[in-house]
C-alpha atoms as a PDB file:
ATOM      1  CA  MET A   1     173.712 129.788 105.171  1.00  0.00           C
ATOM      2  CA  GLU A   2     176.646 127.374 104.928  1.00  0.00           C
ATOM      3  CA  PRO A   3     176.945 125.240 101.766  1.00  0.00           C
ATOM      4  CA  GLU A   4     174.801 122.152 102.080  1.00  0.00           C
ATOM      5  CA  THR A   5     176.692 118.954 102.709  1.00  0.00           C
ATOM      6  CA  GLU A   6     175.773 115.860 100.795  1.00  0.00           C
ATOM      7  CA  ILE A   7     176.302 112.129 101.066  1.00  0.00           C
ATOM      8  CA  ARG A   8     176.458 110.172  97.820  1.00  0.00           C
ATOM      9  CA  SER A   9     177.353 106.534  98.322  1.00  0.00           C
ATOM     10  CA  ASP A  10     179.641 105.038  95.706  1.00  0.00           C
ATOM     11  CA  GLY A  11     178.643 101.513  96.676  1.00  0.00           C
ATOM     12  CA  ALA A  12     181.778 100.888  98.715  1.00  0.00           C
ATOM     13  CA  GLY A  13     180.919 102.990 101.722  1.00  0.00           C
ATOM     14  CA  GLN A  14     182.730 106.089 100.504  1.00  0.00           C
ATOM     15  CA  ALA A  15     180.848 109.343 100.263  1.00  0.00           C
ATOM     16  CA  ASP A  16     181.670 112.636  98.596  1.00  0.00           C
ATOM     17  CA  VAL A  17     180.780 115.126 101.290  1.00  0.00           C
ATOM     18  CA  GLY A  18     180.608 118.883 101.191  1.00  0.00           C
ATOM     19  CA  SER A  19     181.355 121.624  98.717  1.00  0.00           C
ATOM     20  CA  HIS A  20     185.135 121.209  98.954  1.00  0.00           C
ATOM     21  CA  GLY A  21     185.221 117.648  97.654  1.00  0.00           C
ATOM     22  CA  ALA A  22     186.255 116.048 100.956  1.00  0.00           C
ATOM     23  CA  VAL A  23     185.734 112.300 101.000  1.00  0.00           C
ATOM     24  CA  VAL A  24     184.603 110.472 104.119  1.00  0.00           C
ATOM     25  CA  ASP A  25     183.268 107.003 104.711  1.00  0.00           C
ATOM     26  CA  ARG A  26     179.605 107.069 105.705  1.00  0.00           C
ATOM     27  CA  LEU A  27     180.036 103.842 107.672  1.00  0.00           C
ATOM     28  CA  SER A  28     183.435 104.588 109.224  1.00  0.00           C
ATOM     29  CA  PHE A  29     184.011 104.029 112.930  1.00  0.00           C
ATOM     30  CA  ALA A  30     186.229 107.095 113.270  1.00  0.00           C
ATOM     31  CA  PRO A  31     184.396 110.219 114.494  1.00  0.00           C
ATOM     32  CA  SER A  32     183.908 112.932 111.884  1.00  0.00           C
ATOM     33  CA  GLY A  33     182.121 116.233 112.291  1.00  0.00           C
ATOM     34  CA  LEU A  34     181.867 116.557 108.521  1.00  0.00           C
ATOM     35  CA  ARG A  35     180.173 113.166 108.196  1.00  0.00           C
ATOM     36  CA  ALA A  36     177.841 113.990 111.111  1.00  0.00           C
ATOM     37  CA  ARG A  37     176.766 117.280 109.503  1.00  0.00           C
ATOM     38  CA  ALA A  38     176.098 115.424 106.263  1.00  0.00           C
ATOM     39  CA  LEU A  39     173.979 112.830 108.068  1.00  0.00           C
ATOM     40  CA  ASP A  40     172.049 115.603 109.804  1.00  0.00           C
ATOM     41  CA  ASP A  41     171.436 117.207 106.406  1.00  0.00           C
ATOM     42  CA  TRP A  42     170.242 113.878 105.036  1.00  0.00           C
ATOM     43  CA  MET A  43     167.840 113.297 107.915  1.00  0.00           C
ATOM     44  CA  HIS A  44     166.296 116.739 107.456  1.00  0.00           C
ATOM     45  CA  ARG A  45     166.057 116.361 103.678  1.00  0.00           C
ATOM     46  CA  ALA A  46     164.314 113.015 104.129  1.00  0.00           C
ATOM     47  CA  LEU A  47     161.876 114.615 106.573  1.00  0.00           C
ATOM     48  CA  CYS A  48     161.268 117.499 104.177  1.00  0.00           C
ATOM     49  CA  ASP A  49     160.571 115.153 101.250  1.00  0.00           C
ATOM     50  CA  SER A  50     158.136 113.096 103.302  1.00  0.00           C
ATOM     51  CA  LEU A  51     156.294 116.151 104.629  1.00  0.00           C
ATOM     52  CA  ALA A  52     155.966 117.445 101.074  1.00  0.00           C
ATOM     53  CA  HIS A  53     154.518 114.087 100.035  1.00  0.00           C
ATOM     54  CA  VAL A  54     152.002 114.131 102.907  1.00  0.00           C
ATOM     55  CA  ALA A  55     151.007 117.705 102.031  1.00  0.00           C
ATOM     56  CA  GLU A  56     150.419 116.689  98.421  1.00  0.00           C
ATOM     57  CA  ARG A  57     148.334 113.658  99.402  1.00  0.00           C
ATOM     58  CA  CYS A  58     146.172 115.753 101.703  1.00  0.00           C
ATOM     59  CA  ALA A  59     145.557 118.610  99.260  1.00  0.00           C
ATOM     60  CA  THR A  60     142.057 117.391  98.349  1.00  0.00           C
ATOM     61  CA  ARG A  61     140.773 115.460 101.344  1.00  0.00           C
ATOM     62  CA  ALA A  62     142.407 117.499 104.131  1.00  0.00           C
ATOM     63  CA  PRO A  63     143.611 120.851 102.739  1.00  0.00           C
ATOM     64  CA  VAL A  64     144.144 122.214 106.239  1.00  0.00           C
ATOM     65  CA  ILE A  65     147.059 119.772 106.659  1.00  0.00           C
ATOM     66  CA  THR A  66     148.537 120.930 103.356  1.00  0.00           C
ATOM     67  CA  GLU A  67     148.234 124.539 104.518  1.00  0.00           C
ATOM     68  CA  ILE A  68     149.858 123.796 107.875  1.00  0.00           C
ATOM     69  CA  LEU A  69     152.801 121.873 106.395  1.00  0.00           C
ATOM     70  CA  GLY A  70     153.594 124.278 103.536  1.00  0.00           C
ATOM     71  CA  PRO A  71     155.728 126.733 105.555  1.00  0.00           C
ATOM     72  CA  THR A  72     157.513 123.869 107.323  1.00  0.00           C
ATOM     73  CA  VAL A  73     158.504 122.280 104.012  1.00  0.00           C
ATOM     74  CA  ALA A  74     159.765 125.668 102.810  1.00  0.00           C
ATOM     75  CA  HIS A  75     161.677 126.118 106.079  1.00  0.00           C
ATOM     76  CA  LEU A  76     163.461 122.780 105.704  1.00  0.00           C
ATOM     77  CA  ARG A  77     164.214 123.360 102.014  1.00  0.00           C
ATOM     78  CA  ALA A  78     165.898 126.623 102.995  1.00  0.00           C
ATOM     79  CA  GLY A  79     168.220 124.773 105.395  1.00  0.00           C
ATOM     80  CA  GLY A  80     166.167 125.164 108.576  1.00  0.00           C
ATOM     81  CA  ARG A  81     166.176 122.522 111.248  1.00  0.00           C
ATOM     82  CA  MET A  82     163.679 120.664 113.429  1.00  0.00           C
ATOM     83  CA  ARG A  83     163.669 120.031 117.151  1.00  0.00           C
ATOM     84  CA  PRO A  84     163.565 116.325 118.089  1.00  0.00           C
ATOM     85  CA  GLU A  85     159.870 116.431 118.956  1.00  0.00           C
ATOM     86  CA  GLY A  86     159.194 117.535 115.373  1.00  0.00           C
ATOM     87  CA  PHE A  87     160.567 114.235 114.103  1.00  0.00           C
ATOM     88  CA  GLY A  88     158.532 112.343 116.700  1.00  0.00           C
ATOM     89  CA  THR A  89     155.241 114.083 115.948  1.00  0.00           C
ATOM     90  CA  TYR A  90     155.889 113.543 112.234  1.00  0.00           C
ATOM     91  CA  TYR A  91     155.632 109.780 112.817  1.00  0.00           C
ATOM     92  CA  ASP A  92     152.421 110.266 114.799  1.00  0.00           C
ATOM     93  CA  MET A  93     150.964 112.420 112.021  1.00  0.00           C
ATOM     94  CA  VAL A  94     151.814 109.919 109.300  1.00  0.00           C
ATOM     95  CA  GLU A  95     150.189 107.100 111.259  1.00  0.00           C
ATOM     96  CA  CYS A  96     146.958 109.120 111.512  1.00  0.00           C
ATOM     97  CA  VAL A  97     147.004 110.153 107.842  1.00  0.00           C
ATOM     98  CA  SER A  98     147.601 106.570 106.759  1.00  0.00           C
ATOM     99  CA  SER A  99     144.628 105.329 108.808  1.00  0.00           C
ATOM    100  CA  GLY A 100     142.328 108.136 107.664  1.00  0.00           C
ATOM    101  CA  GLN A 101     142.205 109.908 111.049  1.00  0.00           C
ATOM    102  CA  LEU A 102     142.502 113.370 109.542  1.00  0.00           C
ATOM    103  CA  ASP A 103     141.374 115.501 112.495  1.00  0.00           C
ATOM    104  CA  PRO A 104     144.067 114.183 114.871  1.00  0.00           C
ATOM    105  CA  ALA A 105     146.501 114.256 111.920  1.00  0.00           C
ATOM    106  CA  SER A 106     145.969 118.006 111.615  1.00  0.00           C
ATOM    107  CA  THR A 107     146.748 118.389 115.333  1.00  0.00           C
ATOM    108  CA  TRP A 108     149.981 116.474 114.849  1.00  0.00           C
ATOM    109  CA  ALA A 109     150.778 118.586 111.777  1.00  0.00           C
ATOM    110  CA  ARG A 110     150.558 121.735 113.914  1.00  0.00           C
ATOM    111  CA  ALA A 111     152.928 120.129 116.419  1.00  0.00           C
ATOM    112  CA  VAL A 112     155.385 119.356 113.613  1.00  0.00           C
ATOM    113  CA  ALA A 113     155.221 122.957 112.379  1.00  0.00           C
ATOM    114  CA  ALA A 114     155.780 124.299 115.910  1.00  0.00           C
ATOM    115  CA  ALA A 115     159.068 122.378 116.177  1.00  0.00           C
ATOM    116  CA  ALA A 116     160.818 124.201 113.325  1.00  0.00           C
ATOM    117  CA  ILE A 117     163.947 126.106 114.400  1.00  0.00           C
ATOM    118  CA  PRO A 118     166.713 128.072 112.632  1.00  0.00           C
ATOM    119  CA  ALA A 119     169.837 126.253 111.515  1.00  0.00           C
ATOM    120  CA  SER A 120     172.054 128.536 113.625  1.00  0.00           C
ATOM    121  CA  GLY A 121     172.580 128.471 117.358  1.00  0.00           C
ATOM    122  CA  ASP A 122     175.381 126.969 119.421  1.00  0.00           C
ATOM    123  CA  ARG A 123     173.733 126.227 122.760  1.00  0.00           C
ATOM    124  CA  TRP A 124     171.644 123.170 123.537  1.00  0.00           C
ATOM    125  CA  PRO A 125     168.477 123.435 125.531  1.00  0.00           C
ATOM    126  CA  VAL A 126     168.776 121.258 128.642  1.00  0.00           C
ATOM    127  CA  LEU A 127     165.196 120.422 129.598  1.00  0.00           C
ATOM    128  CA  ALA A 128     163.850 118.793 132.739  1.00  0.00           C
ATOM    129  CA  ALA A 129     161.029 116.271 132.742  1.00  0.00           C
ATOM    130  CA  GLY A 130     158.037 117.764 134.521  1.00  0.00           C
ATOM    131  CA  ALA A 131     158.804 121.360 133.496  1.00  0.00           C
ATOM    132  CA  PRO A 132     156.189 123.256 131.419  1.00  0.00           C
ATOM    133  CA  ASP A 133     158.631 123.961 128.562  1.00  0.00           C
ATOM    134  CA  CYS A 134     159.285 120.222 128.246  1.00  0.00           C
ATOM    135  CA  ALA A 135     155.718 118.925 127.945  1.00  0.00           C
ATOM    136  CA  THR A 136     155.658 118.260 124.190  1.00  0.00           C
ATOM    137  CA  LEU A 137     159.056 116.582 124.102  1.00  0.00           C
ATOM    138  CA  GLU A 138     158.363 114.594 127.254  1.00  0.00           C
ATOM    139  CA  SER A 139     155.087 113.348 125.793  1.00  0.00           C
ATOM    140  CA  ALA A 140     156.811 112.386 122.541  1.00  0.00           C
ATOM    141  CA  PHE A 141     159.359 110.287 124.413  1.00  0.00           C
ATOM    142  CA  LYS A 142     156.796 108.641 126.676  1.00  0.00           C
ATOM    143  CA  ARG A 143     154.697 107.559 123.684  1.00  0.00           C
ATOM    144  CA  ARG A 144     157.685 105.502 122.588  1.00  0.00           C
ATOM    145  CA  MET A 145     158.216 103.819 125.968  1.00  0.00           C
ATOM    146  CA  SER A 146     156.802 100.641 127.391  1.00  0.00           C
ATOM    147  CA  GLU A 147     154.685 100.867 130.535  1.00  0.00           C
ATOM    148  CA  ARG A 148     157.665  99.652 132.555  1.00  0.00           C
ATOM    149  CA  GLU A 149     159.928 102.304 131.050  1.00  0.00           C
ATOM    150  CA  ARG A 150     157.407 105.086 131.654  1.00  0.00           C
ATOM    151  CA  ALA A 151     157.414 104.205 135.354  1.00  0.00           C
ATOM    152  CA  LEU A 152     161.114 105.168 135.447  1.00  0.00           C
ATOM    153  CA  PHE A 153     160.545 108.527 133.748  1.00  0.00           C
ATOM    154  CA  GLY A 154     160.208 110.923 136.686  1.00  0.00           C
ATOM    155  CA  PRO A 155     160.562 114.709 137.023  1.00  0.00           C
ATOM    156  CA  VAL A 156     163.743 116.659 137.671  1.00  0.00           C
ATOM    157  CA  ASP A 157     163.743 119.861 139.731  1.00  0.00           C
ATOM    158  CA  GLU A 158     165.230 123.118 138.485  1.00  0.00           C
ATOM    159  CA  ASP A 159     168.254 123.092 140.822  1.00  0.00           C
ATOM    160  CA  THR A 160     169.224 119.613 139.595  1.00  0.00           C
ATOM    161  CA  ARG A 161     168.702 120.656 135.972  1.00  0.00           C
ATOM    162  CA  SER A 162     170.826 123.777 136.407  1.00  0.00           C
ATOM    163  CA  ASP A 163     173.653 121.903 138.156  1.00  0.00           C
ATOM    164  CA  PHE A 164     173.719 119.206 135.496  1.00  0.00           C
ATOM    165  CA  ALA A 165     173.698 121.784 132.688  1.00  0.00           C
ATOM    166  CA  LEU A 166     176.941 123.191 134.092  1.00  0.00           C
ATOM    167  CA  ARG A 167     178.442 119.690 134.285  1.00  0.00           C
ATOM    168  CA  LEU A 168     177.322 119.048 130.721  1.00  0.00           C
ATOM    169  CA  ASP A 169     179.215 122.135 129.577  1.00  0.00           C
ATOM    170  CA  GLU A 170     182.311 120.874 131.405  1.00  0.00           C
ATOM    171  CA  GLY A 171     182.068 117.487 129.698  1.00  0.00           C
ATOM    172  CA  LEU A 172     181.601 119.078 126.287  1.00  0.00           C
ATOM    173  CA  ASP A 173     184.571 121.376 126.863  1.00  0.00           C
ATOM    174  CA  LEU A 174     186.696 118.381 127.825  1.00  0.00           C
ATOM    175  CA  LEU A 175     185.748 116.591 124.604  1.00  0.00           C
ATOM    176  CA  ALA A 176     186.388 119.731 122.557  1.00  0.00           C
ATOM    177  CA  ARG A 177     189.957 119.882 123.870  1.00  0.00           C
ATOM    178  CA  GLY A 178     190.764 116.176 124.097  1.00  0.00           C
ATOM    179  CA  VAL A 179     188.685 114.501 121.369  1.00  0.00           C
ATOM    180  CA  PRO A 180     187.773 117.373 119.011  1.00  0.00           C
ATOM    181  CA  GLU A 181     186.511 115.177 116.180  1.00  0.00           C
ATOM    182  CA  MET A 182     184.003 113.471 118.489  1.00  0.00           C
ATOM    183  CA  HIS A 183     182.971 116.814 119.975  1.00  0.00           C
ATOM    184  CA  ALA A 184     182.255 118.140 116.469  1.00  0.00           C
ATOM    185  CA  GLU A 185     180.229 115.027 115.718  1.00  0.00           C
ATOM    186  CA  ILE A 186     178.154 115.328 118.907  1.00  0.00           C
ATOM    187  CA  ARG A 187     177.456 119.017 118.318  1.00  0.00           C
ATOM    188  CA  ALA A 188     176.390 118.308 114.727  1.00  0.00           C
ATOM    189  CA  ILE A 189     173.844 115.655 115.713  1.00  0.00           C
ATOM    190  CA  ILE A 190     172.489 116.485 119.184  1.00  0.00           C
ATOM    191  CA  ARG A 191     170.114 119.432 119.570  1.00  0.00           C
ATOM    192  CA  THR A 192     168.366 118.816 122.868  1.00  0.00           C
ATOM    193  CA  VAL A 193     169.214 117.139 126.176  1.00  0.00           C
ATOM    194  CA  LEU A 194     166.250 115.887 128.209  1.00  0.00           C
ATOM    195  CA  LEU A 195     166.771 115.055 131.885  1.00  0.00           C
ATOM    196  CA  ALA A 196     164.623 112.530 133.752  1.00  0.00           C
ATOM    197  CA  GLN A 197     165.083 110.192 136.701  1.00  0.00           C
ATOM    198  CA  ALA A 198     163.199 107.386 138.372  1.00  0.00           C
ATOM    199  CA  PRO A 199     160.951 108.186 141.347  1.00  0.00           C
ATOM    200  CA  GLU A 200     162.609 107.881 144.755  1.00  0.00           C
ATOM    201  CA  ASP A 201     160.830 104.606 145.595  1.00  0.00           C
ATOM    202  CA  SER A 202     161.746 102.913 142.313  1.00  0.00           C
ATOM    203  CA  GLU A 203     163.733  99.674 142.436  1.00  0.00           C
ATOM    204  CA  LEU A 204     165.101 100.266 138.938  1.00  0.00           C
ATOM    205  CA  GLU A 205     166.918 103.177 137.330  1.00  0.00           C
ATOM    206  CA  PHE A 206     168.335 104.143 133.930  1.00  0.00           C
ATOM    207  CA  ASP A 207     171.309 106.301 133.009  1.00  0.00           C
ATOM    208  CA  GLY A 208     170.461 107.414 129.462  1.00  0.00           C
ATOM    209  CA  ALA A 209     168.513 106.664 126.307  1.00  0.00           C
ATOM    210  CA  SER A 210     168.017 107.619 122.660  1.00  0.00           C
ATOM    211  CA  HIS A 211     165.302 106.845 120.112  1.00  0.00           C
ATOM    212  CA  TYR A 212     165.522 106.700 116.320  1.00  0.00           C
ATOM    213  CA  GLU A 213     162.209 108.579 115.924  1.00  0.00           C
ATOM    214  CA  LEU A 214     163.550 111.533 117.949  1.00  0.00           C
ATOM    215  CA  TRP A 215     166.567 112.588 115.906  1.00  0.00           C
ATOM    216  CA  GLY A 216     168.770 115.052 117.767  1.00  0.00           C
ATOM    217  CA  LEU A 217     167.757 114.071 121.316  1.00  0.00           C
ATOM    218  CA  VAL A 218     169.557 112.397 124.198  1.00  0.00           C
ATOM    219  CA  LEU A 219     167.832 111.484 127.468  1.00  0.00           C
ATOM    220  CA  LEU A 220     170.130 111.540 130.511  1.00  0.00           C
ATOM    221  CA  ASN A 221     169.681 110.814 134.195  1.00  0.00           C
ATOM    222  CA  PRO A 222     171.307 113.560 136.309  1.00  0.00           C
ATOM    223  CA  ARG A 223     171.757 111.151 139.237  1.00  0.00           C
ATOM    224  CA  PHE A 224     174.514 109.540 137.185  1.00  0.00           C
ATOM    225  CA  HIS A 225     177.411 111.134 135.295  1.00  0.00           C
ATOM    226  CA  ASP A 226     178.635 113.073 138.326  1.00  0.00           C
ATOM    227  CA  SER A 227     181.881 114.373 136.808  1.00  0.00           C
ATOM    228  CA  ARG A 228     183.005 115.964 133.564  1.00  0.00           C
ATOM    229  CA  LEU A 229     184.702 112.697 132.582  1.00  0.00           C
ATOM    230  CA  ALA A 230     181.530 110.686 133.174  1.00  0.00           C
ATOM    231  CA  VAL A 231     179.562 113.215 131.112  1.00  0.00           C
ATOM    232  CA  ALA A 232     182.065 112.921 128.276  1.00  0.00           C
ATOM    233  CA  GLU A 233     181.702 109.144 128.303  1.00  0.00           C
ATOM    234  CA  VAL A 234     177.893 109.149 128.320  1.00  0.00           C
ATOM    235  CA  LEU A 235     177.821 111.671 125.464  1.00  0.00           C
ATOM    236  CA  ALA A 236     180.067 109.355 123.457  1.00  0.00           C
ATOM    237  CA  HIS A 237     177.654 106.535 124.347  1.00  0.00           C
ATOM    238  CA  GLU A 238     174.352 108.211 123.493  1.00  0.00           C
ATOM    239  CA  CYS A 239     175.627 110.054 120.433  1.00  0.00           C
ATOM    240  CA  GLY A 240     176.965 106.705 119.235  1.00  0.00           C
ATOM    241  CA  HIS A 241     173.372 105.446 119.145  1.00  0.00           C
ATOM    242  CA  SER A 242     172.241 108.524 117.228  1.00  0.00           C
ATOM    243  CA  LEU A 243     175.139 108.168 114.816  1.00  0.00           C
ATOM    244  CA  LEU A 244     174.062 104.593 114.076  1.00  0.00           C
ATOM    245  CA  PHE A 245     170.515 105.805 113.383  1.00  0.00           C
ATOM    246  CA  GLY A 246     171.944 108.166 110.770  1.00  0.00           C
ATOM    247  CA  MET A 247     174.467 105.708 109.329  1.00  0.00           C
ATOM    248  CA  MET A 248     171.850 103.031 108.724  1.00  0.00           C
ATOM    249  CA  GLY A 249     169.460 105.454 107.010  1.00  0.00           C
ATOM    250  CA  LYS A 250     166.546 103.398 105.696  1.00  0.00           C
ATOM    251  CA  GLU A 251     168.456 100.131 106.019  1.00  0.00           C
ATOM    252  CA  LEU A 252     168.598  97.558 108.808  1.00  0.00           C
ATOM    253  CA  LEU A 253     171.677  96.553 110.769  1.00  0.00           C
ATOM    254  CA  VAL A 254     170.591  92.976 111.491  1.00  0.00           C
ATOM    255  CA  GLU A 255     168.037  90.527 110.121  1.00  0.00           C
ATOM    256  CA  ASN A 256     167.410  88.633 113.362  1.00  0.00           C
ATOM    257  CA  PRO A 257     163.710  88.644 114.372  1.00  0.00           C
ATOM    258  CA  TYR A 258     162.969  91.236 117.044  1.00  0.00           C
ATOM    259  CA  GLU A 259     161.357  88.578 119.247  1.00  0.00           C
ATOM    260  CA  ASP A 260     164.667  86.685 119.538  1.00  0.00           C
ATOM    261  CA  THR A 261     166.713  87.964 122.469  1.00  0.00           C
ATOM    262  CA  PHE A 262     170.332  87.504 123.554  1.00  0.00           C
ATOM    263  CA  PRO A 263     172.635  88.466 126.459  1.00  0.00           C
ATOM    264  CA  SER A 264     173.509  92.160 126.398  1.00  0.00           C
ATOM    265  CA  PRO A 265     176.866  93.645 127.475  1.00  0.00           C
ATOM    266  CA  LEU A 266     175.221  96.781 128.903  1.00  0.00           C
ATOM    267  CA  ARG A 267     171.904  95.578 130.342  1.00  0.00           C
ATOM    268  CA  PRO A 268     170.916  92.757 132.704  1.00  0.00           C
ATOM    269  CA  ASP A 269     167.894  91.746 130.619  1.00  0.00           C
ATOM    270  CA  PRO A 270     168.186  89.893 127.286  1.00  0.00           C
ATOM    271  CA  ARG A 271     167.901  92.166 124.245  1.00  0.00           C
ATOM    272  CA  PRO A 272     167.078  91.784 120.535  1.00  0.00           C
ATOM    273  CA  MET A 273     170.100  91.494 118.245  1.00  0.00           C
ATOM    274  CA  ASP A 274     169.640  95.089 117.080  1.00  0.00           C
ATOM    275  CA  GLY A 275     170.046  96.178 120.706  1.00  0.00           C
ATOM    276  CA  ILE A 276     173.149  93.996 121.084  1.00  0.00           C
ATOM    277  CA  PHE A 277     174.617  95.570 117.960  1.00  0.00           C
ATOM    278  CA  HIS A 278     173.990  99.091 119.281  1.00  0.00           C
ATOM    279  CA  ALA A 279     175.431  98.305 122.713  1.00  0.00           C
ATOM    280  CA  THR A 280     178.541  96.756 121.179  1.00  0.00           C
ATOM    281  CA  PHE A 281     179.173  99.637 118.790  1.00  0.00           C
ATOM    282  CA  VAL A 282     178.728 102.327 121.443  1.00  0.00           C
ATOM    283  CA  SER A 283     181.043 100.438 123.807  1.00  0.00           C
ATOM    284  CA  ALA A 284     183.815 100.857 121.255  1.00  0.00           C
ATOM    285  CA  ARG A 285     182.984 104.535 120.856  1.00  0.00           C
ATOM    286  CA  MET A 286     183.164 105.019 124.623  1.00  0.00           C
ATOM    287  CA  ALA A 287     186.553 103.295 124.679  1.00  0.00           C
ATOM    288  CA  PHE A 288     187.703 105.603 121.877  1.00  0.00           C
ATOM    289  CA  ALA A 289     186.723 108.696 123.868  1.00  0.00           C
ATOM    290  CA  MET A 290     188.234 107.499 127.146  1.00  0.00           C
ATOM    291  CA  GLU A 291     191.529 106.424 125.580  1.00  0.00           C
ATOM    292  CA  ARG A 292     191.912 109.673 123.649  1.00  0.00           C
ATOM    293  CA  LEU A 293     191.249 111.659 126.808  1.00  0.00           C
ATOM    294  CA  ALA A 294     193.635 109.512 128.848  1.00  0.00           C
ATOM    295  CA  ALA A 295     196.361 110.173 126.268  1.00  0.00           C
ATOM    296  CA  SER A 296     195.703 113.925 126.274  1.00  0.00           C
ATOM    297  CA  ALA A 297     197.117 116.588 128.554  1.00  0.00           C
ATOM    298  CA  HIS A 298     193.667 117.680 129.761  1.00  0.00           C
ATOM    299  CA  LEU A 299     193.065 115.255 132.643  1.00  0.00           C
ATOM    300  CA  SER A 300     194.324 115.219 136.188  1.00  0.00           C
ATOM    301  CA  PRO A 301     196.273 112.096 137.228  1.00  0.00           C
ATOM    302  CA  GLU A 302     193.183 110.806 139.049  1.00  0.00           C
ATOM    303  CA  GLU A 303     190.965 111.442 136.020  1.00  0.00           C
ATOM    304  CA  ARG A 304     193.486 109.724 133.776  1.00  0.00           C
ATOM    305  CA  ASP A 305     193.336 106.598 135.920  1.00  0.00           C
ATOM    306  CA  ARG A 306     189.525 106.649 135.816  1.00  0.00           C
ATOM    307  CA  ALA A 307     189.538 107.113 132.052  1.00  0.00           C
ATOM    308  CA  ARG A 308     191.816 104.109 131.593  1.00  0.00           C
ATOM    309  CA  GLU A 309     189.636 101.984 133.872  1.00  0.00           C
ATOM    310  CA  ALA A 310     186.531 103.059 131.964  1.00  0.00           C
ATOM    311  CA  ALA A 311     188.180 102.208 128.650  1.00  0.00           C
ATOM    312  CA  GLU A 312     189.036  98.725 129.918  1.00  0.00           C
ATOM    313  CA  ARG A 313     185.381  98.176 130.891  1.00  0.00           C
ATOM    314  CA  ASP A 314     184.227  99.487 127.552  1.00  0.00           C
ATOM    315  CA  ARG A 315     186.586  97.160 125.692  1.00  0.00           C
ATOM    316  CA  ALA A 316     185.384  94.211 127.765  1.00  0.00           C
ATOM    317  CA  ASN A 317     181.777  95.124 126.966  1.00  0.00           C
ATOM    318  CA  PHE A 318     182.638  95.347 123.282  1.00  0.00           C
ATOM    319  CA  ALA A 319     184.222  91.885 123.375  1.00  0.00           C
ATOM    320  CA  SER A 320     181.190  90.465 125.175  1.00  0.00           C
ATOM    321  CA  GLY A 321     178.717  91.936 122.715  1.00  0.00           C
ATOM    322  CA  ASP A 322     180.825  91.082 119.697  1.00  0.00           C
ATOM    323  CA  SER A 323     180.963  87.434 120.724  1.00  0.00           C
ATOM    324  CA  VAL A 324     177.144  87.365 120.616  1.00  0.00           C
ATOM    325  CA  ILE A 325     177.112  89.111 117.235  1.00  0.00           C
ATOM    326  CA  ARG A 326     179.667  86.677 115.812  1.00  0.00           C
ATOM    327  CA  SER A 327     177.807  83.613 117.083  1.00  0.00           C
ATOM    328  CA  ASP A 328     174.172  84.595 116.481  1.00  0.00           C
ATOM    329  CA  GLY A 329     174.022  87.819 114.487  1.00  0.00           C
ATOM    330  CA  ARG A 330     172.512  87.806 111.016  1.00  0.00           C
ATOM    331  CA  LEU A 331     173.963  91.052 109.743  1.00  0.00           C
ATOM    332  CA  THR A 332     172.986  93.079 106.719  1.00  0.00           C
ATOM    333  CA  GLU A 333     175.769  94.314 104.464  1.00  0.00           C
ATOM    334  CA  THR A 334     175.595  97.708 106.152  1.00  0.00           C
ATOM    335  CA  GLY A 335     175.654  96.207 109.648  1.00  0.00           C
ATOM    336  CA  ALA A 336     178.572  93.934 108.778  1.00  0.00           C
ATOM    337  CA  ARG A 337     180.671  96.798 107.453  1.00  0.00           C
ATOM    338  CA  ILE A 338     179.941  99.056 110.424  1.00  0.00           C
ATOM    339  CA  ILE A 339     180.873  96.474 113.042  1.00  0.00           C
ATOM    340  CA  GLU A 340     183.904  95.263 111.085  1.00  0.00           C
ATOM    341  CA  ASP A 341     185.357  98.780 111.074  1.00  0.00           C
ATOM    342  CA  ALA A 342     184.799  98.979 114.840  1.00  0.00           C
ATOM    343  CA  ARG A 343     186.584  95.635 115.239  1.00  0.00           C
ATOM    344  CA  ARG A 344     189.524  96.931 113.222  1.00  0.00           C
ATOM    345  CA  TRP A 345     189.873  99.960 115.494  1.00  0.00           C
ATOM    346  CA  ILE A 346     189.638  97.803 118.630  1.00  0.00           C
ATOM    347  CA  ALA A 347     192.334  95.466 117.331  1.00  0.00           C
ATOM    348  CA  ALA A 348     194.658  98.165 116.001  1.00  0.00           C
ATOM    349  CA  SER A 349     194.487 100.358 119.105  1.00  0.00           C
ATOM    350  CA  ALA A 350     194.961  97.383 121.416  1.00  0.00           C
ATOM    351  CA  THR A 351     198.229  96.490 119.712  1.00  0.00           C
ATOM    352  CA  GLY A 352     199.669  99.903 119.490  1.00  0.00           C
END
C-alpha cells in the first residue's frame, strides 16, 4: 500500500501533504493530483471514524450493526476505499440510527459494507441507469433528487453506454496528455461514472450532476459531450464540484440562507448562493482545461478553435457568477479564499 497522504492545515491554507514533505495549498485553484489524493484520504478517514462511532453506539442496543460494520471499519483503516453508494447509504444509515429505526439501519449498514472496494484499480466502472448492476447506486442518487429531477433520470441502453465509455476514455487520454495535473486530480477523486438521460418525451434535459453525499461519483448524460474535447470539459466541470466538496470539508462556503435564490451563470432557474458559488468556480476550472488544451500540441486546428470558444464562454460564465457573489454573497473564510484564488488565476491568465 502506498504511504498515506495527509492534510494538516497551518491556518493559512497551506497543508503538509504526503510522506515526502511536499507542501500544497488545500484551497488552491490550481489542479493537483497530490492534493486530490490527500482529500480522498481525508474523506475516507472521516467516513471510517464515523462508522466506528456508530458501531460503538450500537454495541448494546443493536449489536448486529456493530458486527456488520466491524470489517468495513477495518477495511478503511487498512487503506481500502468505498464506492460512492457506500457514502450515500452511510447517510441513510445514520439517519435511521439517530431516529431509533434500528431494523432499517441494519439494512443500510449491510449496504455500506457491500460497497467496500480495494484501494487499487485503474479503470472506472461506467454504469447505465436501468441496468441491474446499477440498481443500488441509481437508488442512492434518486433518493437525493427532487420529484422534478427524478423525472429526468431515465435509462440508458447498453450500446449507448458502451459508445460513451469509449468516448470517456478518449477524453481522459486527452486530459492526461494536455492537462496532466487535472487528469491526476480527476483520477484521484472519481471512482464511478453513472449515465442517465431524460425520457424521449421530456421537455427538459440535464448534462451532468454531482452530489456531496456520493463522494467519487459523476452523473453524465450521454446525449451530450459528443466529442473527446466535450468530455474533457465536462470532466473538468463535474470534478470541480467534487473537488469543492473535499476542499470545504465540514465547513460551509457561504452563509446565505438556502431559501434565497439568485441568477445562475449555468442554469436558467434561480439558484441558492451555494449553487452560484459552485457554478462560478467550475466555470473557471473549465476555462483552465480548455485553455491548457488549446495551448497544447494535442488538438486538431478545428478542436483548438472549439476549445478557445469554450474557454471564452466559461470565462463569461465565471464573470457572470462572480458578479452575483460580489454583490450578494456572504462568504465564509474558506469560501472567500477559494474564490479569491480562482479570481487571481482568471485575472493573471487573461493578461498573459
